[in-house]
Amino acid sequence: MIFEDEPVPGYPLPILPGHTSPGRLERILRAGQFAVTTELAPPDSADPEEVYQRAKIFDGYVDAINATDGSGANCHMSSVAVCALLTRLGYALVMQISCRDKNRIAVQGDILGGAAMGVCNILCLTGDGVQAGDHPQALPVFDLDCMSLLSTARTLRDEHRFLSGRKITYAPRVFLGAASNPFAQPTEWRAERLAKKVAAGAQFVQTQYCYDVPMLKTFMSRVEDLGLLGKVFVLVGVGPLRSAKTAEWMRANVPGLHIPETVIKRLAGARDGACEGRNLCIELIQEIREVRGVSGVHIMAYRQEDSVPDIIERSGILRGRVPWYPGRDPQVSGPRSAA
């Protein structure tokens, strides 16, 4: 099933009233469809074919693909490069920008460059500290943080100028996002933190992994109380766990990650932990869809990307909708520039 809310792929698109980008992700969200996004782990390689093959796994299942930017402070192919390779094919990308490695000059250049390539979605992140990754001797930058990065991107887009005041001849047409963690302590301040990001310019957020739906409901209730439901689209993070041991390691080592003991016990008692982890992920997606104010899910399946199509298919989350991918509509030809 193909919805009219999705643009005809392959052609430059107008920005609809109330939109800030011509991208498919923004159109899906503003049309009231339940969006599905995922992450592409950049290769430790200079071979573009590795990027193409990783993206192809998600064909027909997701509305946008996050190109991570040195996630965990580990070195991989850059987010800008992954976006450059995939936007030329027509994929919808979420370009991540981490403040850890770039000053405001480089950040503003990446925003303009990404938009010029056809990137319509930018996720603004402060970034993990260098001590967490494989280059702890690296010098961190942190010229900006996620709030000031959001404000900077909005200034380029809406005021058509750099932070220096110099004018931009053609502003980036982008949909701005941020990360949110409803499950980090103190949880009672998480919604207020989100409100600050919305005030800075966030139009959508992708959350940390959710393994506790009651906690999510409490967060979303507070989000509604603050009047944010009509101002930001919330995509809840989900992902399959391989085993009880993996879950315990993540709970102990990933800041702000909450995994209830009931989840650990369920995985520990399963004959096949990876299979049970996928089943749990499917159940969570189905529950999350029914939470008031949630606009979609963001599936993070690190080193389990092959499981994403099966999880989406079995969850029924798309309800017959087929997100666009290169080759879906062979009758359509022409330049592809509406990612």
C-alpha atoms as a PDB file:
ATOM      1  CA  MET A   1       0.000   0.000   0.000  1.00  0.00           C
ATOM      2  CA  ILE A   2       1.364   3.433  -0.966  1.00  0.00           C
ATOM      3  CA  PHE A   3      -0.080   6.534   0.674  1.00  0.00           C
ATOM      4  CA  GLU A   4      -0.588   9.822  -1.131  1.00  0.00           C
ATOM      5  CA  ASP A   5       1.033  11.503   1.855  1.00  0.00           C
ATOM      6  CA  GLU A   6       4.369  10.203   0.594  1.00  0.00           C
ATOM      7  CA  PRO A   7       5.971  12.293  -2.146  1.00  0.00           C
ATOM      8  CA  VAL A   8       6.604  10.950  -5.594  1.00  0.00           C
ATOM      9  CA  PRO A   9      10.214   9.785  -5.268  1.00  0.00           C
ATOM     10  CA  GLY A  10      12.888  10.923  -7.645  1.00  0.00           C
ATOM     11  CA  TYR A  11      11.868  14.538  -8.146  1.00  0.00           C
ATOM     12  CA  PRO A  12      12.563  17.815  -6.333  1.00  0.00           C
ATOM     13  CA  LEU A  13       9.686  18.431  -3.950  1.00  0.00           C
ATOM     14  CA  PRO A  14       8.029  21.614  -2.752  1.00  0.00           C
ATOM     15  CA  ILE A  15       7.963  22.390   0.938  1.00  0.00           C
ATOM     16  CA  LEU A  16       4.388  21.947   2.060  1.00  0.00           C
ATOM     17  CA  PRO A  17       2.680  24.556   4.275  1.00  0.00           C
ATOM     18  CA  GLY A  18       3.896  24.211   7.848  1.00  0.00           C
ATOM     19  CA  HIS A  19       6.935  22.131   6.791  1.00  0.00           C
ATOM     20  CA  THR A  20      10.567  23.199   6.912  1.00  0.00           C
ATOM     21  CA  SER A  21      11.979  20.531   4.570  1.00  0.00           C
ATOM     22  CA  PRO A  22      10.912  18.667   1.428  1.00  0.00           C
ATOM     23  CA  GLY A  23      11.851  15.343   3.039  1.00  0.00           C
ATOM     24  CA  ARG A  24       9.770  12.202   3.291  1.00  0.00           C
ATOM     25  CA  LEU A  25      10.246  11.774   7.052  1.00  0.00           C
ATOM     26  CA  GLU A  26       8.689  15.140   7.844  1.00  0.00           C
ATOM     27  CA  ARG A  27       5.843  14.458   5.424  1.00  0.00           C
ATOM     28  CA  ILE A  28       5.111  11.078   6.976  1.00  0.00           C
ATOM     29  CA  LEU A  29       5.074  12.514  10.493  1.00  0.00           C
ATOM     30  CA  ARG A  30       2.972  15.570   9.679  1.00  0.00           C
ATOM     31  CA  ALA A  31       0.513  13.379   7.764  1.00  0.00           C
ATOM     32  CA  GLY A  32      -0.088  11.442  10.978  1.00  0.00           C
ATOM     33  CA  GLN A  33       1.529   8.190   9.835  1.00  0.00           C
ATOM     34  CA  PHE A  34       3.490   6.156  12.393  1.00  0.00           C
ATOM     35  CA  ALA A  35       7.103   6.590  11.327  1.00  0.00           C
ATOM     36  CA  VAL A  36       9.857   3.983  11.453  1.00  0.00           C
ATOM     37  CA  THR A  37      13.531   4.954  11.441  1.00  0.00           C
ATOM     38  CA  THR A  38      16.685   2.952  12.023  1.00  0.00           C
ATOM     39  CA  GLU A  39      20.458   3.302  12.232  1.00  0.00           C
ATOM     40  CA  LEU A  40      23.127   2.322   9.747  1.00  0.00           C
ATOM     41  CA  ALA A  41      26.410   1.400  11.365  1.00  0.00           C
ATOM     42  CA  PRO A  42      29.093   3.085   9.213  1.00  0.00           C
ATOM     43  CA  PRO A  43      31.786   0.682   8.004  1.00  0.00           C
ATOM     44  CA  ASP A  44      35.420   0.704   9.014  1.00  0.00           C
ATOM     45  CA  SER A  45      36.218   0.905   5.339  1.00  0.00           C
ATOM     46  CA  ALA A  46      36.559   3.217   2.367  1.00  0.00           C
ATOM     47  CA  ASP A  47      34.500   0.912   0.145  1.00  0.00           C
ATOM     48  CA  PRO A  48      31.157   2.545  -0.790  1.00  0.00           C
ATOM     49  CA  GLU A  49      29.681  -0.854  -1.642  1.00  0.00           C
ATOM     50  CA  GLU A  50      29.684  -1.708   2.056  1.00  0.00           C
ATOM     51  CA  VAL A  51      27.445   1.299   2.711  1.00  0.00           C
ATOM     52  CA  TYR A  52      25.082   0.392  -0.143  1.00  0.00           C
ATOM     53  CA  GLN A  53      24.723  -3.174   1.079  1.00  0.00           C
ATOM     54  CA  ARG A  54      24.011  -2.074   4.643  1.00  0.00           C
ATOM     55  CA  ALA A  55      21.322   0.361   3.486  1.00  0.00           C
ATOM     56  CA  LYS A  56      19.690  -2.191   1.187  1.00  0.00           C
ATOM     57  CA  ILE A  57      18.753  -4.333   4.214  1.00  0.00           C
ATOM     58  CA  PHE A  58      16.187  -1.687   5.159  1.00  0.00           C
ATOM     59  CA  ASP A  59      14.559  -1.294   1.726  1.00  0.00           C
ATOM     60  CA  GLY A  60      10.788  -1.015   2.039  1.00  0.00           C
ATOM     61  CA  TYR A  61      10.787  -1.057   5.841  1.00  0.00           C
ATOM     62  CA  VAL A  62      11.930   2.348   7.137  1.00  0.00           C
ATOM     63  CA  ASP A  63      11.150   5.998   6.469  1.00  0.00           C
ATOM     64  CA  ALA A  64      14.670   7.261   7.183  1.00  0.00           C
ATOM     65  CA  ILE A  65      18.114   5.940   8.061  1.00  0.00           C
ATOM     66  CA  ASN A  66      20.342   7.554  10.681  1.00  0.00           C
ATOM     67  CA  ALA A  67      23.965   7.896   9.632  1.00  0.00           C
ATOM     68  CA  THR A  68      25.757   7.868  12.982  1.00  0.00           C
ATOM     69  CA  ASP A  69      28.573  10.315  13.720  1.00  0.00           C
ATOM     70  CA  GLY A  70      31.328   8.582  15.664  1.00  0.00           C
ATOM     71  CA  SER A  71      28.858   6.827  17.951  1.00  0.00           C
ATOM     72  CA  GLY A  72      30.373   5.913  21.311  1.00  0.00           C
ATOM     73  CA  ALA A  73      33.384   8.082  20.396  1.00  0.00           C
ATOM     74  CA  ASN A  74      34.600   5.321  18.076  1.00  0.00           C
ATOM     75  CA  CYS A  75      36.037   6.052  14.640  1.00  0.00           C
ATOM     76  CA  HIS A  76      34.137   4.923  11.520  1.00  0.00           C
ATOM     77  CA  MET A  77      33.263   6.350   8.107  1.00  0.00           C
ATOM     78  CA  SER A  78      31.828   9.836   8.691  1.00  0.00           C
ATOM     79  CA  SER A  79      28.125  10.624   8.771  1.00  0.00           C
ATOM     80  CA  VAL A  80      28.610  13.192   6.006  1.00  0.00           C
ATOM     81  CA  ALA A  81      30.218  10.582   3.746  1.00  0.00           C
ATOM     82  CA  VAL A  82      27.475   8.006   4.330  1.00  0.00           C
ATOM     83  CA  CYS A  83      24.878  10.664   3.558  1.00  0.00           C
ATOM     84  CA  ALA A  84      26.738  11.662   0.396  1.00  0.00           C
ATOM     85  CA  LEU A  85      26.695   8.074  -0.865  1.00  0.00           C
ATOM     86  CA  LEU A  86      23.073   7.320  -0.029  1.00  0.00           C
ATOM     87  CA  THR A  87      21.295  10.577  -0.871  1.00  0.00           C
ATOM     88  CA  ARG A  88      22.449  10.222  -4.476  1.00  0.00           C
ATOM     89  CA  LEU A  89      20.389   7.019  -4.610  1.00  0.00           C
ATOM     90  CA  GLY A  90      17.361   8.734  -3.094  1.00  0.00           C
ATOM     91  CA  TYR A  91      17.468   7.309   0.428  1.00  0.00           C
ATOM     92  CA  ALA A  92      16.098   9.511   3.232  1.00  0.00           C
ATOM     93  CA  LEU A  93      18.929  10.148   5.681  1.00  0.00           C
ATOM     94  CA  VAL A  94      19.114  11.570   9.177  1.00  0.00           C
ATOM     95  CA  MET A  95      22.563  13.126   9.336  1.00  0.00           C
ATOM     96  CA  GLN A  96      23.905  13.073  12.864  1.00  0.00           C
ATOM     97  CA  ILE A  97      26.192  15.875  14.031  1.00  0.00           C
ATOM     98  CA  SER A  98      28.148  15.428  17.243  1.00  0.00           C
ATOM     99  CA  CYS A  99      29.620  18.459  18.977  1.00  0.00           C
ATOM    100  CA  ARG A 100      32.486  16.379  20.351  1.00  0.00           C
ATOM    101  CA  ASP A 101      34.662  16.566  17.255  1.00  0.00           C
ATOM    102  CA  LYS A 102      33.819  19.844  15.494  1.00  0.00           C
ATOM    103  CA  ASN A 103      33.800  23.540  16.247  1.00  0.00           C
ATOM    104  CA  ARG A 104      31.074  25.898  15.049  1.00  0.00           C
ATOM    105  CA  ILE A 105      32.869  26.599  11.774  1.00  0.00           C
ATOM    106  CA  ALA A 106      32.940  22.917  10.808  1.00  0.00           C
ATOM    107  CA  VAL A 107      29.415  22.297  12.101  1.00  0.00           C
ATOM    108  CA  GLN A 108      27.895  25.093  10.030  1.00  0.00           C
ATOM    109  CA  GLY A 109      29.788  23.900   6.973  1.00  0.00           C
ATOM    110  CA  ASP A 110      28.443  20.372   7.458  1.00  0.00           C
ATOM    111  CA  ILE A 111      24.870  21.640   7.756  1.00  0.00           C
ATOM    112  CA  LEU A 112      25.163  23.526   4.477  1.00  0.00           C
ATOM    113  CA  GLY A 113      26.985  20.653   2.775  1.00  0.00           C
ATOM    114  CA  GLY A 114      24.502  18.051   3.971  1.00  0.00           C
ATOM    115  CA  ALA A 115      21.551  20.120   2.791  1.00  0.00           C
ATOM    116  CA  ALA A 116      23.225  20.659  -0.588  1.00  0.00           C
ATOM    117  CA  MET A 117      23.531  16.856  -0.985  1.00  0.00           C
ATOM    118  CA  GLY A 118      19.825  16.363  -0.289  1.00  0.00           C
ATOM    119  CA  VAL A 119      19.894  15.649   3.445  1.00  0.00           C
ATOM    120  CA  CYS A 120      16.595  16.857   4.885  1.00  0.00           C
ATOM    121  CA  ASN A 121      16.954  15.659   8.494  1.00  0.00           C
ATOM    122  CA  ILE A 122      19.648  16.566  11.011  1.00  0.00           C
ATOM    123  CA  LEU A 123      20.003  15.065  14.494  1.00  0.00           C
ATOM    124  CA  CYS A 124      21.870  17.379  16.857  1.00  0.00           C
ATOM    125  CA  LEU A 125      23.933  15.633  19.536  1.00  0.00           C
ATOM    126  CA  THR A 126      26.365  16.748  22.199  1.00  0.00           C
ATOM    127  CA  GLY A 127      28.280  13.470  21.749  1.00  0.00           C
ATOM    128  CA  ASP A 128      29.941  10.947  24.014  1.00  0.00           C
ATOM    129  CA  GLY A 129      33.203  11.880  25.685  1.00  0.00           C
ATOM    130  CA  VAL A 130      36.389  10.696  23.966  1.00  0.00           C
ATOM    131  CA  GLN A 131      37.308   8.547  26.968  1.00  0.00           C
ATOM    132  CA  ALA A 132      34.420   6.224  26.089  1.00  0.00           C
ATOM    133  CA  GLY A 133      35.806   5.291  22.681  1.00  0.00           C
ATOM    134  CA  ASP A 134      38.794   3.814  20.892  1.00  0.00           C
ATOM    135  CA  HIS A 135      40.761   7.085  20.718  1.00  0.00           C
ATOM    136  CA  PRO A 136      40.846   8.293  24.335  1.00  0.00           C
ATOM    137  CA  GLN A 137      43.912  10.389  23.523  1.00  0.00           C
ATOM    138  CA  ALA A 138      41.886  12.536  21.093  1.00  0.00           C
ATOM    139  CA  LEU A 139      41.263  16.185  21.956  1.00  0.00           C
ATOM    140  CA  PRO A 140      37.543  16.866  22.459  1.00  0.00           C
ATOM    141  CA  VAL A 141      36.070  20.063  21.026  1.00  0.00           C
ATOM    142  CA  PHE A 142      32.577  20.668  22.458  1.00  0.00           C
ATOM    143  CA  ASP A 143      32.511  24.219  21.107  1.00  0.00           C
ATOM    144  CA  LEU A 144      28.719  23.790  21.094  1.00  0.00           C
ATOM    145  CA  ASP A 145      26.327  21.446  22.884  1.00  0.00           C
ATOM    146  CA  CYS A 146      23.075  19.961  21.608  1.00  0.00           C
ATOM    147  CA  MET A 147      21.067  23.051  22.594  1.00  0.00           C
ATOM    148  CA  SER A 148      23.370  25.565  20.925  1.00  0.00           C
ATOM    149  CA  LEU A 149      23.754  23.254  17.925  1.00  0.00           C
ATOM    150  CA  LEU A 150      19.966  23.177  17.478  1.00  0.00           C
ATOM    151  CA  SER A 151      19.872  26.957  17.774  1.00  0.00           C
ATOM    152  CA  THR A 152      22.708  27.272  15.259  1.00  0.00           C
ATOM    153  CA  ALA A 153      20.972  25.041  12.702  1.00  0.00           C
ATOM    154  CA  ARG A 154      17.734  26.963  13.148  1.00  0.00           C
ATOM    155  CA  THR A 155      19.576  30.260  12.646  1.00  0.00           C
ATOM    156  CA  LEU A 156      21.029  29.027   9.345  1.00  0.00           C
ATOM    157  CA  ARG A 157      17.630  27.758   8.214  1.00  0.00           C
ATOM    158  CA  ASP A 158      15.274  30.482   9.417  1.00  0.00           C
ATOM    159  CA  GLU A 159      17.435  33.604   9.507  1.00  0.00           C
ATOM    160  CA  HIS A 160      19.574  32.772   6.457  1.00  0.00           C
ATOM    161  CA  ARG A 161      22.792  33.701   8.217  1.00  0.00           C
ATOM    162  CA  PHE A 162      25.831  32.202   9.922  1.00  0.00           C
ATOM    163  CA  LEU A 163      26.422  32.752  13.622  1.00  0.00           C
ATOM    164  CA  SER A 164      28.904  35.443  12.589  1.00  0.00           C
ATOM    165  CA  GLY A 165      26.032  37.390  11.019  1.00  0.00           C
ATOM    166  CA  ARG A 166      27.200  36.820   7.443  1.00  0.00           C
ATOM    167  CA  LYS A 167      24.296  36.133   5.093  1.00  0.00           C
ATOM    168  CA  ILE A 168      23.592  32.795   3.402  1.00  0.00           C
ATOM    169  CA  THR A 169      22.405  33.003  -0.185  1.00  0.00           C
ATOM    170  CA  TYR A 170      20.371  29.773   0.001  1.00  0.00           C
ATOM    171  CA  ALA A 171      19.399  28.445   3.415  1.00  0.00           C
ATOM    172  CA  PRO A 172      19.373  24.732   4.324  1.00  0.00           C
ATOM    173  CA  ARG A 173      15.853  23.291   4.178  1.00  0.00           C
ATOM    174  CA  VAL A 174      16.038  20.866   7.061  1.00  0.00           C
ATOM    175  CA  PHE A 175      13.951  19.115   9.714  1.00  0.00           C
ATOM    176  CA  LEU A 176      15.746  19.334  13.069  1.00  0.00           C
ATOM    177  CA  GLY A 177      15.986  16.553  15.630  1.00  0.00           C
ATOM    178  CA  ALA A 178      17.595  15.756  18.950  1.00  0.00           C
ATOM    179  CA  ALA A 179      18.033  12.844  21.307  1.00  0.00           C
ATOM    180  CA  SER A 180      15.972  12.334  24.445  1.00  0.00           C
ATOM    181  CA  ASN A 181      16.328   9.942  27.363  1.00  0.00           C
ATOM    182  CA  PRO A 182      13.075   9.479  29.307  1.00  0.00           C
ATOM    183  CA  PHE A 183      14.666   6.782  31.463  1.00  0.00           C
ATOM    184  CA  ALA A 184      17.724   8.574  32.868  1.00  0.00           C
ATOM    185  CA  GLN A 185      17.754   9.755  36.463  1.00  0.00           C
ATOM    186  CA  PRO A 186      16.290  12.012  37.633  1.00  0.00           C
ATOM    187  CA  THR A 187      13.384  10.906  35.445  1.00  0.00           C
ATOM    188  CA  GLU A 188      11.088  13.645  36.726  1.00  0.00           C
ATOM    189  CA  TRP A 189      13.176  16.241  34.844  1.00  0.00           C
ATOM    190  CA  ARG A 190      13.353  14.434  31.507  1.00  0.00           C
ATOM    191  CA  ALA A 191      10.275  16.116  30.005  1.00  0.00           C
ATOM    192  CA  GLU A 192      11.539  19.551  31.052  1.00  0.00           C
ATOM    193  CA  ARG A 193      14.843  18.757  29.357  1.00  0.00           C
ATOM    194  CA  LEU A 194      12.909  17.896  26.207  1.00  0.00           C
ATOM    195  CA  ALA A 195      11.021  21.195  26.457  1.00  0.00           C
ATOM    196  CA  LYS A 196      14.347  23.063  26.395  1.00  0.00           C
ATOM    197  CA  LYS A 197      15.398  21.215  23.253  1.00  0.00           C
ATOM    198  CA  VAL A 198      12.088  22.043  21.589  1.00  0.00           C
ATOM    199  CA  ALA A 199      12.566  25.702  22.507  1.00  0.00           C
ATOM    200  CA  ALA A 200      16.050  25.523  20.949  1.00  0.00           C
ATOM    201  CA  GLY A 201      14.624  24.187  17.675  1.00  0.00           C
ATOM    202  CA  ALA A 202      14.007  20.424  17.924  1.00  0.00           C
ATOM    203  CA  GLN A 203      11.077  19.292  15.769  1.00  0.00           C
ATOM    204  CA  PHE A 204      11.519  15.575  16.408  1.00  0.00           C
ATOM    205  CA  VAL A 205      13.368  13.477  18.975  1.00  0.00           C
ATOM    206  CA  GLN A 206      14.645   9.914  18.987  1.00  0.00           C
ATOM    207  CA  THR A 207      14.841   8.415  22.458  1.00  0.00           C
ATOM    208  CA  GLN A 208      17.164   6.015  24.246  1.00  0.00           C
ATOM    209  CA  TYR A 209      16.146   2.340  24.179  1.00  0.00           C
ATOM    210  CA  CYS A 210      12.777   1.714  25.851  1.00  0.00           C
ATOM    211  CA  TYR A 211      12.368  -1.532  27.781  1.00  0.00           C
ATOM    212  CA  ASP A 212       9.866  -0.162  30.301  1.00  0.00           C
ATOM    213  CA  VAL A 213       6.591   1.012  28.758  1.00  0.00           C
ATOM    214  CA  PRO A 214       5.055   2.225  32.060  1.00  0.00           C
ATOM    215  CA  MET A 215       8.029   4.590  32.481  1.00  0.00           C
ATOM    216  CA  LEU A 216       7.509   5.788  28.911  1.00  0.00           C
ATOM    217  CA  LYS A 217       3.831   6.466  29.610  1.00  0.00           C
ATOM    218  CA  THR A 218       4.756   8.539  32.656  1.00  0.00           C
ATOM    219  CA  PHE A 219       7.196  10.560  30.558  1.00  0.00           C
ATOM    220  CA  MET A 220       4.688  11.090  27.743  1.00  0.00           C
ATOM    221  CA  SER A 221       2.038  12.194  30.235  1.00  0.00           C
ATOM    222  CA  ARG A 222       4.417  14.858  31.501  1.00  0.00           C
ATOM    223  CA  VAL A 223       5.258  15.821  27.894  1.00  0.00           C
ATOM    224  CA  GLU A 224       1.538  16.340  27.297  1.00  0.00           C
ATOM    225  CA  ASP A 225       1.170  18.364  30.505  1.00  0.00           C
ATOM    226  CA  LEU A 226       3.908  20.692  29.248  1.00  0.00           C
ATOM    227  CA  GLY A 227       2.012  21.242  25.996  1.00  0.00           C
ATOM    228  CA  LEU A 228       4.674  19.640  23.813  1.00  0.00           C
ATOM    229  CA  LEU A 229       2.627  17.041  21.916  1.00  0.00           C
ATOM    230  CA  GLY A 230       1.788  19.420  19.103  1.00  0.00           C
ATOM    231  CA  LYS A 231       5.296  20.838  18.971  1.00  0.00           C
ATOM    232  CA  VAL A 232       7.588  17.805  18.666  1.00  0.00           C
ATOM    233  CA  PHE A 233       7.373  14.305  17.198  1.00  0.00           C
ATOM    234  CA  VAL A 234       8.589  11.614  19.594  1.00  0.00           C
ATOM    235  CA  LEU A 235      10.168   8.505  18.064  1.00  0.00           C
ATOM    236  CA  VAL A 236      10.827   5.939  20.774  1.00  0.00           C
ATOM    237  CA  GLY A 237      14.042   3.924  20.642  1.00  0.00           C
ATOM    238  CA  VAL A 238      13.742   0.135  20.572  1.00  0.00           C
ATOM    239  CA  GLY A 239      16.135  -2.687  19.813  1.00  0.00           C
ATOM    240  CA  PRO A 240      16.604  -6.458  20.099  1.00  0.00           C
ATOM    241  CA  LEU A 241      18.762  -7.813  22.925  1.00  0.00           C
ATOM    242  CA  ARG A 242      20.965 -10.821  22.135  1.00  0.00           C
ATOM    243  CA  SER A 243      21.004 -12.370  25.588  1.00  0.00           C
ATOM    244  CA  ALA A 244      20.641 -11.768  29.299  1.00  0.00           C
ATOM    245  CA  LYS A 245      24.411 -11.251  29.476  1.00  0.00           C
ATOM    246  CA  THR A 246      24.236  -8.556  26.795  1.00  0.00           C
ATOM    247  CA  ALA A 247      21.384  -6.853  28.606  1.00  0.00           C
ATOM    248  CA  GLU A 248      23.294  -6.879  31.892  1.00  0.00           C
ATOM    249  CA  TRP A 249      26.397  -5.414  30.231  1.00  0.00           C
ATOM    250  CA  MET A 250      24.363  -2.657  28.565  1.00  0.00           C
ATOM    251  CA  ARG A 251      22.572  -1.835  31.806  1.00  0.00           C
ATOM    252  CA  ALA A 252      25.896  -1.492  33.601  1.00  0.00           C
ATOM    253  CA  ASN A 253      27.819   0.384  30.895  1.00  0.00           C
ATOM    254  CA  VAL A 254      25.418   2.495  28.819  1.00  0.00           C
ATOM    255  CA  PRO A 255      24.641   5.752  30.651  1.00  0.00           C
ATOM    256  CA  GLY A 256      20.953   6.306  31.307  1.00  0.00           C
ATOM    257  CA  LEU A 257      19.855   2.918  29.982  1.00  0.00           C
ATOM    258  CA  HIS A 258      17.119   1.278  32.047  1.00  0.00           C
ATOM    259  CA  ILE A 259      16.441  -2.450  31.636  1.00  0.00           C
ATOM    260  CA  PRO A 260      14.053  -3.954  34.215  1.00  0.00           C
ATOM    261  CA  GLU A 261      15.046  -7.137  36.020  1.00  0.00           C
ATOM    262  CA  THR A 262      12.003  -8.850  34.493  1.00  0.00           C
ATOM    263  CA  VAL A 263      13.575  -8.438  31.058  1.00  0.00           C
ATOM    264  CA  ILE A 264      16.868  -9.953  32.238  1.00  0.00           C
ATOM    265  CA  LYS A 265      15.060 -12.929  33.733  1.00  0.00           C
ATOM    266  CA  ARG A 266      12.984 -13.472  30.611  1.00  0.00           C
ATOM    267  CA  LEU A 267      16.083 -13.595  28.421  1.00  0.00           C
ATOM    268  CA  ALA A 268      17.965 -15.784  30.898  1.00  0.00           C
ATOM    269  CA  GLY A 269      15.136 -18.316  30.922  1.00  0.00           C
ATOM    270  CA  ALA A 270      14.814 -18.516  27.140  1.00  0.00           C
ATOM    271  CA  ARG A 271      16.217 -21.418  25.133  1.00  0.00           C
ATOM    272  CA  ASP A 272      17.331 -18.980  22.411  1.00  0.00           C
ATOM    273  CA  GLY A 273      18.172 -15.579  23.893  1.00  0.00           C
ATOM    274  CA  ALA A 274      18.517 -13.787  20.553  1.00  0.00           C
ATOM    275  CA  CYS A 275      15.133 -15.075  19.355  1.00  0.00           C
ATOM    276  CA  GLU A 276      13.512 -14.048  22.623  1.00  0.00           C
ATOM    277  CA  GLY A 277      15.152 -10.631  22.343  1.00  0.00           C
ATOM    278  CA  ARG A 278      13.536 -10.118  18.945  1.00  0.00           C
ATOM    279  CA  ASN A 279      10.168 -11.285  20.293  1.00  0.00           C
ATOM    280  CA  LEU A 280      10.470  -8.809  23.141  1.00  0.00           C
ATOM    281  CA  CYS A 281      11.322  -6.010  20.719  1.00  0.00           C
ATOM    282  CA  ILE A 282       8.233  -6.805  18.644  1.00  0.00           C
ATOM    283  CA  GLU A 283       6.002  -6.775  21.717  1.00  0.00           C
ATOM    284  CA  LEU A 284       7.461  -3.447  22.833  1.00  0.00           C
ATOM    285  CA  ILE A 285       6.864  -1.877  19.422  1.00  0.00           C
ATOM    286  CA  GLN A 286       3.235  -2.969  19.506  1.00  0.00           C
ATOM    287  CA  GLU A 287       2.759  -1.554  23.010  1.00  0.00           C
ATOM    288  CA  ILE A 288       4.594   1.674  22.229  1.00  0.00           C
ATOM    289  CA  ARG A 289       2.418   2.352  19.211  1.00  0.00           C
ATOM    290  CA  GLU A 290      -0.579   2.659  21.522  1.00  0.00           C
ATOM    291  CA  VAL A 291       1.039   5.211  23.849  1.00  0.00           C
ATOM    292  CA  ARG A 292      -0.549   8.613  23.442  1.00  0.00           C
ATOM    293  CA  GLY A 293       1.722  11.160  21.806  1.00  0.00           C
ATOM    294  CA  VAL A 294       4.234   8.710  20.331  1.00  0.00           C
ATOM    295  CA  SER A 295       4.770   9.341  16.614  1.00  0.00           C
ATOM    296  CA  GLY A 296       7.038   6.455  15.689  1.00  0.00           C
ATOM    297  CA  VAL A 297       9.842   4.128  16.665  1.00  0.00           C
ATOM    298  CA  HIS A 298      13.581   4.310  16.099  1.00  0.00           C
ATOM    299  CA  ILE A 299      15.023   0.808  15.784  1.00  0.00           C
ATOM    300  CA  MET A 300      18.629   0.437  16.914  1.00  0.00           C
ATOM    301  CA  ALA A 301      19.894  -3.060  16.137  1.00  0.00           C
ATOM    302  CA  TYR A 302      23.664  -2.791  16.495  1.00  0.00           C
ATOM    303  CA  ARG A 303      25.283  -5.721  14.682  1.00  0.00           C
ATOM    304  CA  GLN A 304      21.796  -7.175  14.214  1.00  0.00           C
ATOM    305  CA  GLU A 305      20.688  -5.028  11.279  1.00  0.00           C
ATOM    306  CA  ASP A 306      19.546  -8.143   9.398  1.00  0.00           C
ATOM    307  CA  SER A 307      16.845  -8.620  12.032  1.00  0.00           C
ATOM    308  CA  VAL A 308      15.187  -5.246  11.405  1.00  0.00           C
ATOM    309  CA  PRO A 309      12.963  -6.282   8.450  1.00  0.00           C
ATOM    310  CA  ASP A 310      11.685  -9.326  10.350  1.00  0.00           C
ATOM    311  CA  ILE A 311      10.960  -7.254  13.462  1.00  0.00           C
ATOM    312  CA  ILE A 312       9.047  -4.650  11.461  1.00  0.00           C
ATOM    313  CA  GLU A 313       7.166  -7.270   9.452  1.00  0.00           C
ATOM    314  CA  ARG A 314       6.105  -9.319  12.475  1.00  0.00           C
ATOM    315  CA  SER A 315       5.171  -6.272  14.541  1.00  0.00           C
ATOM    316  CA  GLY A 316       2.718  -5.108  11.861  1.00  0.00           C
ATOM    317  CA  ILE A 317       3.792  -1.563  12.642  1.00  0.00           C
ATOM    318  CA  LEU A 318       3.562  -0.308   9.045  1.00  0.00           C
ATOM    319  CA  ARG A 319       0.024  -1.670   8.583  1.00  0.00           C
ATOM    320  CA  GLY A 320       0.481  -2.264   4.894  1.00  0.00           C
ATOM    321  CA  ARG A 321       2.433   0.899   4.132  1.00  0.00           C
ATOM    322  CA  VAL A 322       5.576   0.465   2.019  1.00  0.00           C
ATOM    323  CA  PRO A 323       8.154   3.213   2.646  1.00  0.00           C
ATOM    324  CA  TRP A 324       9.889   4.330  -0.528  1.00  0.00           C
ATOM    325  CA  TYR A 325      13.252   2.847  -1.469  1.00  0.00           C
ATOM    326  CA  PRO A 326      15.339   2.929  -4.664  1.00  0.00           C
ATOM    327  CA  GLY A 327      13.630   0.755  -7.224  1.00  0.00           C
ATOM    328  CA  ARG A 328      10.241   0.575  -5.534  1.00  0.00           C
ATOM    329  CA  ASP A 329       8.629   2.512  -8.383  1.00  0.00           C
ATOM    330  CA  PRO A 330      10.413   1.456 -11.584  1.00  0.00           C
ATOM    331  CA  GLN A 331       8.051   3.537 -13.703  1.00  0.00           C
ATOM    332  CA  VAL A 332       9.415   6.706 -12.107  1.00  0.00           C
ATOM    333  CA  SER A 333      12.616   8.077 -13.582  1.00  0.00           C
ATOM    334  CA  GLY A 334      14.560  11.270 -13.189  1.00  0.00           C
ATOM    335  CA  PRO A 335      16.904  12.897 -10.679  1.00  0.00           C
ATOM    336  CA  ARG A 336      16.571  11.790  -7.076  1.00  0.00           C
ATOM    337  CA  SER A 337      17.019  14.741  -4.773  1.00  0.00           C
ATOM    338  CA  ALA A 338      14.249  14.563  -2.163  1.00  0.00           C
ATOM    339  CA  ALA A 339      15.841  12.590   0.610  1.00  0.00           C
END
